[in-house]
């Protein structure tokens, strides 16, 4: 009987972890869909929506700029990075912990 309860407990824990992982994956894919709408939009439109970037970085041997937006929610730091080309268009993005 004791083994049965342990088995049931383990099954419940495994399925709950799977559910959390699935929800996180769904939120991440929603974030990617939202951010992909910014591709080929102007830098001005991006600034109107997100405001002034928290940081602007330049990579070596690249003329592109990287606008970094950060926010913290429940002690989890969300970071969105948009790549802006010399023509002031968004050419790429990355997102970490934004869900």
PDB file of N, CA and C in Angstrom:
ATOM      1  N   UNK A   1       0.826  -1.193   0.000  1.00  0.00           N
ATOM      2  CA  UNK A   1       0.000   0.000   0.000  1.00  0.00           C
ATOM      3  C   UNK A   1       0.873   1.262   0.000  1.00  0.00           C
ATOM      4  N   UNK A   2       1.940   1.214   0.768  1.00  0.00           N
ATOM      5  CA  UNK A   2       2.847   2.347   0.846  1.00  0.00           C
ATOM      6  C   UNK A   2       3.486   2.618  -0.517  1.00  0.00           C
ATOM      7  N   UNK A   3       3.843   1.567  -1.215  1.00  0.00           N
ATOM      8  CA  UNK A   3       4.442   1.697  -2.543  1.00  0.00           C
ATOM      9  C   UNK A   3       3.442   2.308  -3.516  1.00  0.00           C
ATOM     10  N   UNK A   4       2.183   1.959  -3.384  1.00  0.00           N
ATOM     11  CA  UNK A   4       1.138   2.502  -4.242  1.00  0.00           C
ATOM     12  C   UNK A   4       1.053   4.021  -4.079  1.00  0.00           C
ATOM     13  N   UNK A   5       1.052   4.512  -2.837  1.00  0.00           N
ATOM     14  CA  UNK A   5       0.979   5.954  -2.595  1.00  0.00           C
ATOM     15  C   UNK A   5       2.216   6.676  -3.130  1.00  0.00           C
ATOM     16  N   UNK A   6       3.365   6.065  -2.976  1.00  0.00           N
ATOM     17  CA  UNK A   6       4.590   6.654  -3.514  1.00  0.00           C
ATOM     18  C   UNK A   6       4.509   6.731  -5.034  1.00  0.00           C
ATOM     19  N   UNK A   7       4.019   5.683  -5.651  1.00  0.00           N
ATOM     20  CA  UNK A   7       3.870   5.643  -7.100  1.00  0.00           C
ATOM     21  C   UNK A   7       2.905   6.730  -7.580  1.00  0.00           C
ATOM     22  N   UNK A   8       1.764   6.865  -6.920  1.00  0.00           N
ATOM     23  CA  UNK A   8       0.772   7.883  -7.282  1.00  0.00           C
ATOM     24  C   UNK A   8       1.369   9.281  -7.102  1.00  0.00           C
ATOM     25  N   UNK A   9       2.085   9.485  -6.013  1.00  0.00           N
ATOM     26  CA  UNK A   9       2.725  10.768  -5.751  1.00  0.00           C
ATOM     27  C   UNK A   9       3.720  11.120  -6.856  1.00  0.00           C
ATOM     28  N   UNK A  10       4.521  10.163  -7.264  1.00  0.00           N
ATOM     29  CA  UNK A  10       5.496  10.394  -8.325  1.00  0.00           C
ATOM     30  C   UNK A  10       4.825  10.713  -9.657  1.00  0.00           C
ATOM     31  N   UNK A  11       3.778  10.010  -9.975  1.00  0.00           N
ATOM     32  CA  UNK A  11       3.040  10.261 -11.226  1.00  0.00           C
ATOM     33  C   UNK A  11       2.466  11.676 -11.234  1.00  0.00           C
ATOM     34  N   UNK A  12       1.885  12.088 -10.129  1.00  0.00           N
ATOM     35  CA  UNK A  12       1.299  13.431 -10.046  1.00  0.00           C
ATOM     36  C   UNK A  12       2.388  14.492 -10.206  1.00  0.00           C
ATOM     37  N   UNK A  13       3.513  14.305  -9.553  1.00  0.00           N
ATOM     38  CA  UNK A  13       4.610  15.274  -9.671  1.00  0.00           C
ATOM     39  C   UNK A  13       5.146  15.354 -11.090  1.00  0.00           C
ATOM     40  N   UNK A  14       5.298  14.225 -11.736  1.00  0.00           N
ATOM     41  CA  UNK A  14       5.819  14.225 -13.103  1.00  0.00           C
ATOM     42  C   UNK A  14       4.872  14.923 -14.068  1.00  0.00           C
ATOM     43  N   UNK A  15       3.584  14.691 -13.925  1.00  0.00           N
ATOM     44  CA  UNK A  15       2.624  15.335 -14.830  1.00  0.00           C
ATOM     45  C   UNK A  15       2.525  16.830 -14.563  1.00  0.00           C
ATOM     46  N   UNK A  16       2.659  17.247 -13.307  1.00  0.00           N
ATOM     47  CA  UNK A  16       2.593  18.683 -13.020  1.00  0.00           C
ATOM     48  C   UNK A  16       3.808  19.402 -13.599  1.00  0.00           C
ATOM     49  N   UNK A  17       4.982  18.783 -13.544  1.00  0.00           N
ATOM     50  CA  UNK A  17       6.177  19.385 -14.152  1.00  0.00           C
ATOM     51  C   UNK A  17       6.003  19.507 -15.659  1.00  0.00           C
ATOM     52  N   UNK A  18       5.403  18.516 -16.253  1.00  0.00           N
ATOM     53  CA  UNK A  18       5.173  18.528 -17.692  1.00  0.00           C
ATOM     54  C   UNK A  18       4.217  19.665 -18.064  1.00  0.00           C
ATOM     55  N   UNK A  19       3.202  19.898 -17.228  1.00  0.00           N
ATOM     56  CA  UNK A  19       2.241  20.958 -17.483  1.00  0.00           C
ATOM     57  C   UNK A  19       2.912  22.326 -17.415  1.00  0.00           C
ATOM     58  N   UNK A  20       3.764  22.535 -16.412  1.00  0.00           N
ATOM     59  CA  UNK A  20       4.469  23.807 -16.279  1.00  0.00           C
ATOM     60  C   UNK A  20       5.371  24.036 -17.487  1.00  0.00           C
ATOM     61  N   UNK A  21       6.092  23.020 -17.902  1.00  0.00           N
ATOM     62  CA  UNK A  21       6.971  23.132 -19.065  1.00  0.00           C
ATOM     63  C   UNK A  21       6.168  23.481 -20.315  1.00  0.00           C
ATOM     64  N   UNK A  22       5.022  22.863 -20.469  1.00  0.00           N
ATOM     65  CA  UNK A  22       4.176  23.128 -21.635  1.00  0.00           C
ATOM     66  C   UNK A  22       3.694  24.582 -21.637  1.00  0.00           C
ATOM     67  N   UNK A  23       3.286  25.089 -20.471  1.00  0.00           N
ATOM     68  CA  UNK A  23       2.812  26.470 -20.390  1.00  0.00           C
ATOM     69  C   UNK A  23       3.933  27.460 -20.692  1.00  0.00           C
ATOM     70  N   UNK A  24       5.128  27.179 -20.181  1.00  0.00           N
ATOM     71  CA  UNK A  24       6.264  28.059 -20.457  1.00  0.00           C
ATOM     72  C   UNK A  24       6.574  28.057 -21.947  1.00  0.00           C
ATOM     73  N   UNK A  25       6.560  26.879 -22.566  1.00  0.00           N
ATOM     74  CA  UNK A  25       6.815  26.785 -24.007  1.00  0.00           C
ATOM     75  C   UNK A  25       5.781  27.570 -24.807  1.00  0.00           C
ATOM     76  N   UNK A  26       4.517  27.514 -24.384  1.00  0.00           N
ATOM     77  CA  UNK A  26       3.465  28.260 -25.073  1.00  0.00           C
ATOM     78  C   UNK A  26       3.706  29.764 -24.964  1.00  0.00           C
ATOM     79  N   UNK A  27       4.066  30.228 -23.775  1.00  0.00           N
ATOM     80  CA  UNK A  27       4.318  31.659 -23.573  1.00  0.00           C
ATOM     81  C   UNK A  27       5.525  32.128 -24.383  1.00  0.00           C
ATOM     82  N   UNK A  28       6.558  31.299 -24.439  1.00  0.00           N
ATOM     83  CA  UNK A  28       7.752  31.654 -25.211  1.00  0.00           C
ATOM     84  C   UNK A  28       7.411  31.758 -26.691  1.00  0.00           C
ATOM     85  N   UNK A  29       6.602  30.836 -27.197  1.00  0.00           N
ATOM     86  CA  UNK A  29       6.234  30.904 -28.617  1.00  0.00           C
ATOM     87  C   UNK A  29       5.345  32.119 -28.895  1.00  0.00           C
ATOM     88  N   UNK A  30       4.471  32.482 -27.945  1.00  0.00           N
ATOM     89  CA  UNK A  30       3.668  33.698 -28.102  1.00  0.00           C
ATOM     90  C   UNK A  30       4.570  34.934 -28.152  1.00  0.00           C
ATOM     91  N   UNK A  31       5.584  34.948 -27.286  1.00  0.00           N
ATOM     92  CA  UNK A  31       6.540  36.060 -27.265  1.00  0.00           C
ATOM     93  C   UNK A  31       7.259  36.169 -28.604  1.00  0.00           C
ATOM     94  N   UNK A  32       7.679  35.044 -29.159  1.00  0.00           N
ATOM     95  CA  UNK A  32       8.374  35.058 -30.448  1.00  0.00           C
ATOM     96  C   UNK A  32       7.477  35.580 -31.560  1.00  0.00           C
ATOM     97  N   UNK A  33       6.207  35.197 -31.536  1.00  0.00           N
ATOM     98  CA  UNK A  33       5.265  35.680 -32.551  1.00  0.00           C
ATOM     99  C   UNK A  33       5.112  37.196 -32.440  1.00  0.00           C
ATOM    100  N   UNK A  34       4.971  37.690 -31.198  1.00  0.00           N
ATOM    101  CA  UNK A  34       4.816  39.133 -30.999  1.00  0.00           C
ATOM    102  C   UNK A  34       6.058  39.901 -31.444  1.00  0.00           C
ATOM    103  N   UNK A  35       7.231  39.389 -31.081  1.00  0.00           N
ATOM    104  CA  UNK A  35       8.462  40.101 -31.430  1.00  0.00           C
ATOM    105  C   UNK A  35       8.783  40.002 -32.919  1.00  0.00           C
ATOM    106  N   UNK A  36       8.381  38.924 -33.553  1.00  0.00           N
ATOM    107  CA  UNK A  36       8.663  38.790 -34.988  1.00  0.00           C
ATOM    108  C   UNK A  36       7.885  39.820 -35.809  1.00  0.00           C
ATOM    109  N   UNK A  37       6.819  40.369 -35.252  1.00  0.00           N
ATOM    110  CA  UNK A  37       6.073  41.420 -35.941  1.00  0.00           C
ATOM    111  C   UNK A  37       6.892  42.701 -36.071  1.00  0.00           C
ATOM    112  N   UNK A  38       7.954  42.823 -35.259  1.00  0.00           N
ATOM    113  CA  UNK A  38       8.790  44.015 -35.301  1.00  0.00           C
ATOM    114  C   UNK A  38       9.858  43.954 -36.378  1.00  0.00           C
ATOM    115  N   UNK A  39      10.062  42.810 -36.981  1.00  0.00           N
ATOM    116  CA  UNK A  39      11.073  42.700 -38.034  1.00  0.00           C
ATOM    117  C   UNK A  39      10.722  43.626 -39.193  1.00  0.00           C
ATOM    118  N   UNK A  40      11.710  44.349 -39.676  1.00  0.00           N
ATOM    119  CA  UNK A  40      11.592  45.322 -40.770  1.00  0.00           C
ATOM    120  C   UNK A  40      10.782  46.565 -40.411  1.00  0.00           C
ATOM    121  N   UNK A  41      10.463  46.746 -39.136  1.00  0.00           N
ATOM    122  CA  UNK A  41       9.821  47.994 -38.693  1.00  0.00           C
ATOM    123  C   UNK A  41      10.918  49.008 -38.390  1.00  0.00           C
ATOM    124  N   UNK A  42      10.539  50.262 -38.293  1.00  0.00           N
ATOM    125  CA  UNK A  42      11.540  51.306 -38.063  1.00  0.00           C
ATOM    126  C   UNK A  42      11.923  51.396 -36.586  1.00  0.00           C
ATOM    127  N   UNK A  43      13.093  51.956 -36.384  1.00  0.00           N
ATOM    128  CA  UNK A  43      13.595  52.197 -35.027  1.00  0.00           C
ATOM    129  C   UNK A  43      12.630  53.110 -34.268  1.00  0.00           C
ATOM    130  N   UNK A  44      12.080  54.093 -34.943  1.00  0.00           N
ATOM    131  CA  UNK A  44      11.158  55.033 -34.316  1.00  0.00           C
ATOM    132  C   UNK A  44       9.907  54.319 -33.806  1.00  0.00           C
ATOM    133  N   UNK A  45       9.344  53.430 -34.621  1.00  0.00           N
ATOM    134  CA  UNK A  45       8.164  52.675 -34.189  1.00  0.00           C
ATOM    135  C   UNK A  45       8.475  51.827 -32.956  1.00  0.00           C
ATOM    136  N   UNK A  46       9.661  51.233 -32.942  1.00  0.00           N
ATOM    137  CA  UNK A  46      10.082  50.418 -31.801  1.00  0.00           C
ATOM    138  C   UNK A  46      10.175  51.271 -30.537  1.00  0.00           C
ATOM    139  N   UNK A  47      10.772  52.455 -30.666  1.00  0.00           N
ATOM    140  CA  UNK A  47      10.907  53.341 -29.511  1.00  0.00           C
ATOM    141  C   UNK A  47       9.559  53.861 -29.033  1.00  0.00           C
ATOM    142  N   UNK A  48       8.636  54.077 -29.948  1.00  0.00           N
ATOM    143  CA  UNK A  48       7.300  54.526 -29.553  1.00  0.00           C
ATOM    144  C   UNK A  48       6.623  53.451 -28.708  1.00  0.00           C
ATOM    145  N   UNK A  49       6.773  52.203 -29.102  1.00  0.00           N
ATOM    146  CA  UNK A  49       6.127  51.099 -28.385  1.00  0.00           C
ATOM    147  C   UNK A  49       6.844  50.743 -27.084  1.00  0.00           C
ATOM    148  N   UNK A  50       8.159  50.599 -27.121  1.00  0.00           N
ATOM    149  CA  UNK A  50       8.914  50.113 -25.962  1.00  0.00           C
ATOM    150  C   UNK A  50       9.575  51.225 -25.152  1.00  0.00           C
ATOM    151  N   UNK A  51       9.640  52.421 -25.705  1.00  0.00           N
ATOM    152  CA  UNK A  51      10.310  53.512 -25.007  1.00  0.00           C
ATOM    153  C   UNK A  51      11.806  53.519 -25.282  1.00  0.00           C
ATOM    154  N   UNK A  52      12.501  54.339 -24.524  1.00  0.00           N
ATOM    155  CA  UNK A  52      13.951  54.450 -24.673  1.00  0.00           C
ATOM    156  C   UNK A  52      14.594  53.150 -24.190  1.00  0.00           C
ATOM    157  N   UNK A  53      15.539  52.597 -24.949  1.00  0.00           N
ATOM    158  CA  UNK A  53      16.175  51.346 -24.517  1.00  0.00           C
ATOM    159  C   UNK A  53      16.986  51.546 -23.236  1.00  0.00           C
ATOM    160  N   UNK A  54      17.058  50.492 -22.428  1.00  0.00           N
ATOM    161  CA  UNK A  54      17.853  50.547 -21.204  1.00  0.00           C
ATOM    162  C   UNK A  54      19.343  50.588 -21.519  1.00  0.00           C
ATOM    163  N   UNK A  55      19.727  49.963 -22.624  1.00  0.00           N
ATOM    164  CA  UNK A  55      21.119  49.963 -23.073  1.00  0.00           C
ATOM    165  C   UNK A  55      21.150  49.946 -24.596  1.00  0.00           C
ATOM    166  N   UNK A  56      22.216  50.515 -25.149  1.00  0.00           N
ATOM    167  CA  UNK A  56      22.484  50.408 -26.585  1.00  0.00           C
ATOM    168  C   UNK A  56      23.904  49.897 -26.716  1.00  0.00           C
ATOM    169  N   UNK A  57      24.069  48.785 -27.421  1.00  0.00           N
ATOM    170  CA  UNK A  57      25.403  48.201 -27.583  1.00  0.00           C
ATOM    171  C   UNK A  57      25.745  48.101 -29.060  1.00  0.00           C
ATOM    172  N   UNK A  58      27.041  48.150 -29.313  1.00  0.00           N
ATOM    173  CA  UNK A  58      27.577  47.956 -30.655  1.00  0.00           C
ATOM    174  C   UNK A  58      28.527  46.774 -30.601  1.00  0.00           C
ATOM    175  N   UNK A  59      28.433  45.883 -31.571  1.00  0.00           N
ATOM    176  CA  UNK A  59      29.358  44.748 -31.627  1.00  0.00           C
ATOM    177  C   UNK A  59      30.535  45.112 -32.520  1.00  0.00           C
ATOM    178  N   UNK A  60      31.676  44.504 -32.244  1.00  0.00           N
ATOM    179  CA  UNK A  60      32.867  44.739 -33.063  1.00  0.00           C
ATOM    180  C   UNK A  60      32.611  44.317 -34.506  1.00  0.00           C
ATOM    181  N   UNK A  61      33.161  45.082 -35.427  1.00  0.00           N
ATOM    182  CA  UNK A  61      33.060  44.793 -36.865  1.00  0.00           C
ATOM    183  C   UNK A  61      31.622  44.770 -37.368  1.00  0.00           C
ATOM    184  N   UNK A  62      30.728  45.478 -36.702  1.00  0.00           N
ATOM    185  CA  UNK A  62      29.341  45.530 -37.151  1.00  0.00           C
ATOM    186  C   UNK A  62      28.852  46.968 -37.028  1.00  0.00           C
ATOM    187  N   UNK A  63      28.095  47.400 -37.993  1.00  0.00           N
ATOM    188  CA  UNK A  63      27.526  48.745 -37.936  1.00  0.00           C
ATOM    189  C   UNK A  63      26.144  48.720 -37.298  1.00  0.00           C
ATOM    190  N   UNK A  64      25.665  47.535 -36.953  1.00  0.00           N
ATOM    191  CA  UNK A  64      24.344  47.419 -36.341  1.00  0.00           C
ATOM    192  C   UNK A  64      24.388  47.800 -34.860  1.00  0.00           C
ATOM    193  N   UNK A  65      23.258  48.302 -34.381  1.00  0.00           N
ATOM    194  CA  UNK A  65      23.087  48.638 -32.968  1.00  0.00           C
ATOM    195  C   UNK A  65      22.181  47.595 -32.329  1.00  0.00           C
ATOM    196  N   UNK A  66      22.350  47.394 -31.052  1.00  0.00           N
ATOM    197  CA  UNK A  66      21.517  46.456 -30.312  1.00  0.00           C
ATOM    198  C   UNK A  66      20.827  47.212 -29.185  1.00  0.00           C
ATOM    199  N   UNK A  67      19.500  47.312 -29.274  1.00  0.00           N
ATOM    200  CA  UNK A  67      18.714  47.977 -28.243  1.00  0.00           C
ATOM    201  C   UNK A  67      18.300  46.916 -27.231  1.00  0.00           C
ATOM    202  N   UNK A  68      18.635  47.163 -25.981  1.00  0.00           N
ATOM    203  CA  UNK A  68      18.359  46.192 -24.926  1.00  0.00           C
ATOM    204  C   UNK A  68      17.321  46.779 -23.976  1.00  0.00           C
ATOM    205  N   UNK A  69      16.219  46.056 -23.832  1.00  0.00           N
ATOM    206  CA  UNK A  69      15.150  46.428 -22.912  1.00  0.00           C
ATOM    207  C   UNK A  69      15.085  45.371 -21.815  1.00  0.00           C
ATOM    208  N   UNK A  70      15.119  45.819 -20.560  1.00  0.00           N
ATOM    209  CA  UNK A  70      15.036  44.872 -19.446  1.00  0.00           C
ATOM    210  C   UNK A  70      13.908  45.282 -18.512  1.00  0.00           C
ATOM    211  N   UNK A  71      13.300  44.277 -17.925  1.00  0.00           N
ATOM    212  CA  UNK A  71      12.327  44.520 -16.863  1.00  0.00           C
ATOM    213  C   UNK A  71      12.351  43.313 -15.933  1.00  0.00           C
ATOM    214  N   UNK A  72      11.919  43.536 -14.720  1.00  0.00           N
ATOM    215  CA  UNK A  72      11.943  42.467 -13.734  1.00  0.00           C
ATOM    216  C   UNK A  72      10.525  42.210 -13.244  1.00  0.00           C
ATOM    217  N   UNK A  73      10.153  40.941 -13.236  1.00  0.00           N
ATOM    218  CA  UNK A  73       8.823  40.546 -12.800  1.00  0.00           C
ATOM    219  C   UNK A  73       8.981  39.330 -11.902  1.00  0.00           C
ATOM    220  N   UNK A  74       8.534  39.455 -10.667  1.00  0.00           N
ATOM    221  CA  UNK A  74       8.649  38.366  -9.695  1.00  0.00           C
ATOM    222  C   UNK A  74      10.092  37.890  -9.546  1.00  0.00           C
ATOM    223  N   UNK A  75      11.018  38.848  -9.500  1.00  0.00           N
ATOM    224  CA  UNK A  75      12.457  38.570  -9.348  1.00  0.00           C
ATOM    225  C   UNK A  75      13.067  37.848 -10.549  1.00  0.00           C
ATOM    226  N   UNK A  76      12.337  37.773 -11.657  1.00  0.00           N
ATOM    227  CA  UNK A  76      12.857  37.176 -12.889  1.00  0.00           C
ATOM    228  C   UNK A  76      13.138  38.315 -13.863  1.00  0.00           C
ATOM    229  N   UNK A  77      14.372  38.400 -14.320  1.00  0.00           N
ATOM    230  CA  UNK A  77      14.783  39.483 -15.212  1.00  0.00           C
ATOM    231  C   UNK A  77      14.485  39.106 -16.660  1.00  0.00           C
ATOM    232  N   UNK A  78      13.640  39.898 -17.285  1.00  0.00           N
ATOM    233  CA  UNK A  78      13.285  39.711 -18.694  1.00  0.00           C
ATOM    234  C   UNK A  78      14.172  40.637 -19.520  1.00  0.00           C
ATOM    235  N   UNK A  79      14.743  40.097 -20.591  1.00  0.00           N
ATOM    236  CA  UNK A  79      15.619  40.895 -21.449  1.00  0.00           C
ATOM    237  C   UNK A  79      15.238  40.676 -22.908  1.00  0.00           C
ATOM    238  N   UNK A  80      14.918  41.789 -23.580  1.00  0.00           N
ATOM    239  CA  UNK A  80      14.630  41.748 -25.016  1.00  0.00           C
ATOM    240  C   UNK A  80      15.692  42.570 -25.723  1.00  0.00           C
ATOM    241  N   UNK A  81      16.275  41.973 -26.758  1.00  0.00           N
ATOM    242  CA  UNK A  81      17.317  42.657 -27.523  1.00  0.00           C
ATOM    243  C   UNK A  81      16.863  42.742 -28.978  1.00  0.00           C
ATOM    244  N   UNK A  82      16.858  43.956 -29.508  1.00  0.00           N
ATOM    245  CA  UNK A  82      16.505  44.176 -30.907  1.00  0.00           C
ATOM    246  C   UNK A  82      17.747  44.652 -31.650  1.00  0.00           C
ATOM    247  N   UNK A  83      17.971  44.090 -32.827  1.00  0.00           N
ATOM    248  CA  UNK A  83      19.097  44.499 -33.665  1.00  0.00           C
ATOM    249  C   UNK A  83      18.591  45.497 -34.703  1.00  0.00           C
ATOM    250  N   UNK A  84      19.252  46.653 -34.754  1.00  0.00           N
ATOM    251  CA  UNK A  84      18.866  47.728 -35.667  1.00  0.00           C
ATOM    252  C   UNK A  84      19.990  47.926 -36.683  1.00  0.00           C
ATOM    253  N   UNK A  85      19.659  47.883 -37.967  1.00  0.00           N
ATOM    254  CA  UNK A  85      20.687  48.050 -39.008  1.00  0.00           C
ATOM    255  C   UNK A  85      20.935  49.539 -39.285  1.00  0.00           C
ATOM    256  N   UNK A  86      21.942  49.878 -40.108  1.00  0.00           N
ATOM    257  CA  UNK A  86      22.229  51.294 -40.401  1.00  0.00           C
ATOM    258  C   UNK A  86      21.072  52.037 -41.068  1.00  0.00           C
ATOM    259  N   UNK A  87      20.141  51.321 -41.685  1.00  0.00           N
ATOM    260  CA  UNK A  87      18.974  51.962 -42.296  1.00  0.00           C
ATOM    261  C   UNK A  87      17.855  52.173 -41.271  1.00  0.00           C
ATOM    262  N   UNK A  88      18.160  51.963 -39.982  1.00  0.00           N
ATOM    263  CA  UNK A  88      17.215  52.140 -38.869  1.00  0.00           C
ATOM    264  C   UNK A  88      16.012  51.207 -38.939  1.00  0.00           C
ATOM    265  N   UNK A  89      16.247  49.982 -39.383  1.00  0.00           N
ATOM    266  CA  UNK A  89      15.207  48.950 -39.422  1.00  0.00           C
ATOM    267  C   UNK A  89      15.573  47.820 -38.461  1.00  0.00           C
ATOM    268  N   UNK A  90      14.565  47.227 -37.849  1.00  0.00           N
ATOM    269  CA  UNK A  90      14.780  46.084 -36.958  1.00  0.00           C
ATOM    270  C   UNK A  90      15.078  44.867 -37.824  1.00  0.00           C
ATOM    271  N   UNK A  91      16.228  44.234 -37.584  1.00  0.00           N
ATOM    272  CA  UNK A  91      16.617  43.076 -38.395  1.00  0.00           C
ATOM    273  C   UNK A  91      16.649  41.779 -37.599  1.00  0.00           C
ATOM    274  N   UNK A  92      16.541  41.864 -36.286  1.00  0.00           N
ATOM    275  CA  UNK A  92      16.566  40.648 -35.485  1.00  0.00           C
ATOM    276  C   UNK A  92      16.184  40.941 -34.046  1.00  0.00           C
ATOM    277  N   UNK A  93      15.966  39.881 -33.290  1.00  0.00           N
ATOM    278  CA  UNK A  93      15.613  40.032 -31.885  1.00  0.00           C
ATOM    279  C   UNK A  93      15.971  38.764 -31.125  1.00  0.00           C
ATOM    280  N   UNK A  94      16.137  38.914 -29.826  1.00  0.00           N
ATOM    281  CA  UNK A  94      16.237  37.778 -28.910  1.00  0.00           C
ATOM    282  C   UNK A  94      15.459  38.143 -27.660  1.00  0.00           C
ATOM    283  N   UNK A  95      15.018  37.121 -26.967  1.00  0.00           N
ATOM    284  CA  UNK A  95      14.238  37.323 -25.760  1.00  0.00           C
ATOM    285  C   UNK A  95      14.640  36.265 -24.742  1.00  0.00           C
ATOM    286  N   UNK A  96      14.913  36.709 -23.520  1.00  0.00           N
ATOM    287  CA  UNK A  96      15.273  35.777 -22.453  1.00  0.00           C
ATOM    288  C   UNK A  96      14.354  35.993 -21.259  1.00  0.00           C
ATOM    289  N   UNK A  97      13.768  34.937 -20.779  1.00  0.00           N
ATOM    290  CA  UNK A  97      12.939  34.941 -19.563  1.00  0.00           C
ATOM    291  C   UNK A  97      11.735  35.869 -19.649  1.00  0.00           C
ATOM    292  N   UNK A  98      11.216  36.107 -20.836  1.00  0.00           N
ATOM    293  CA  UNK A  98      10.049  36.975 -21.001  1.00  0.00           C
ATOM    294  C   UNK A  98       8.829  36.107 -21.287  1.00  0.00           C
ATOM    295  N   UNK A  99       8.066  35.870 -20.259  1.00  0.00           N
ATOM    296  CA  UNK A  99       6.835  35.079 -20.424  1.00  0.00           C
ATOM    297  C   UNK A  99       5.785  35.566 -19.482  1.00  0.00           C
TER     298      UNK A  99
END
